[in-house]
Protein backbone atom coordinates (compact mmCIF):
# COMPACT_ATOMS: atom_id res chain seq x y z
CA MET A 1 8.85 -19.65 -18.83
CA SER A 2 9.55 -17.72 -22.00
CA MET A 3 9.39 -18.84 -25.59
CA HIS A 4 10.28 -16.51 -28.46
CA GLY A 5 9.92 -13.36 -26.36
CA VAL A 6 6.48 -14.34 -25.05
CA CYS A 7 6.08 -14.77 -21.30
CA TYR A 8 3.75 -17.52 -20.08
CA THR A 9 2.69 -17.35 -16.44
CA HIS A 10 -0.33 -19.64 -16.50
CA GLY A 11 1.78 -22.58 -15.32
CA MET A 12 2.18 -20.90 -11.93
CA SER A 13 -1.13 -19.04 -11.82
CA LYS A 14 -4.44 -20.01 -10.26
CA ARG A 15 -7.80 -18.95 -11.60
CA LEU A 16 -10.25 -17.01 -9.44
CA GLN A 17 -13.82 -16.48 -10.52
CA VAL A 18 -15.50 -13.30 -9.34
CA LEU A 19 -19.11 -12.59 -10.28
CA PHE A 20 -20.32 -9.08 -11.14
CA ASP A 21 -23.68 -7.95 -12.41
CA GLU A 22 -23.69 -6.67 -16.01
CA GLU A 23 -23.66 -2.98 -15.11
CA GLU A 24 -20.82 -3.34 -12.64
CA LEU A 25 -18.75 -5.39 -15.09
CA ALA A 26 -19.35 -2.82 -17.83
CA GLN A 27 -18.03 -0.09 -15.51
CA LEU A 28 -14.91 -2.15 -14.70
CA GLN A 29 -14.29 -2.75 -18.39
CA LYS A 30 -14.56 0.98 -19.13
CA VAL A 31 -12.10 1.85 -16.38
CA ALA A 32 -9.66 -0.81 -17.57
CA ALA A 33 -9.94 0.42 -21.16
CA ARG A 34 -9.27 4.01 -20.07
CA ASN A 35 -6.09 2.72 -18.43
CA HIS A 36 -5.13 0.75 -21.57
CA MET A 37 -5.40 -2.57 -19.72
CA THR A 38 -7.42 -5.71 -19.94
CA THR A 39 -10.11 -6.01 -17.32
CA SER A 40 -8.22 -8.91 -15.73
CA GLU A 41 -4.97 -6.96 -15.43
CA TRP A 42 -6.79 -3.94 -14.01
CA VAL A 43 -8.49 -6.11 -11.38
CA ARG A 44 -5.15 -7.77 -10.48
CA GLN A 45 -3.54 -4.36 -9.98
CA VAL A 46 -6.41 -3.11 -7.83
CA VAL A 47 -6.22 -6.24 -5.67
CA ARG A 48 -2.43 -5.85 -5.31
CA ASP A 49 -2.86 -2.21 -4.29
CA ALA A 50 -5.48 -3.22 -1.72
CA GLN A 51 -3.13 -5.85 -0.31
CA ARG A 52 -0.28 -3.32 -0.01
CA ASN A 53 -2.56 -0.90 1.84
CA GLU A 54 -3.86 -3.55 4.23
CA PRO A 55 -2.47 -3.07 7.76
CA ARG A 56 0.08 -5.69 8.71
CA GLY A 57 0.76 -7.15 12.08
CA ASP A 58 -1.40 -7.71 15.11
CA PRO A 59 -3.37 -4.57 16.04
CA LYS A 60 -3.41 -5.58 19.73
CA ARG A 61 0.38 -5.81 19.74
CA LYS A 62 0.70 -2.40 18.08
CA LEU A 63 -1.69 -0.81 20.59
CA ALA A 64 0.22 -2.38 23.47
CA ALA A 65 3.47 -0.87 22.17
CA ILE A 66 1.85 2.56 21.86
CA ARG A 67 0.46 2.31 25.39
CA ARG A 68 3.89 1.32 26.76
CA ALA A 69 5.51 4.26 24.97
CA ALA A 70 2.85 6.64 26.29
CA GLU A 71 3.76 5.66 29.88
CA HIS A 72 7.16 7.38 29.50
CA SER A 73 7.74 11.03 30.17
CA PHE A 74 10.26 12.60 27.83
CA PRO A 75 11.23 16.26 27.69
CA THR A 76 9.61 18.17 24.86
CA ALA A 77 9.68 21.69 23.56
CA ASP A 78 7.83 23.91 21.18
CA ILE A 79 8.46 22.65 17.62
CA ASP A 80 9.82 26.02 16.45
CA GLN A 81 12.21 26.08 19.41
CA MET A 82 13.42 22.55 18.70
CA LEU A 83 13.94 23.26 14.99
CA GLY A 84 15.87 26.43 15.87
CA GLU A 85 18.13 24.50 18.26
CA ILE A 86 18.77 21.86 15.61
CA GLU A 87 19.59 24.51 13.01
CA ARG A 88 21.98 26.29 15.40
CA GLY A 89 23.68 22.96 16.09
CA TYR A 90 24.28 22.45 12.35
CA LEU A 91 25.78 25.92 12.05
CA HIS A 92 28.32 25.24 14.85
CA ASP A 93 29.67 22.05 13.24
């Protein structure tokens, strides 16, 4: 909800307490300051980035799909040959 141009998100937010030793916290605060952020916002962004980079889906299912695909035998060619054939095809259109 917004009041007078100020955005309040605490109504929908949950608090998470994470404990760091003094030295580690000081390092986090320095990094956040260098990025012109509060420590909390910096930590939220790092956690969001970590979530985006986390693999999704079942690894067993992905491996099974790769194994099924590897069972097939498709014609292949040298990459330079294939790119040349593609280029020649574009020129004839």
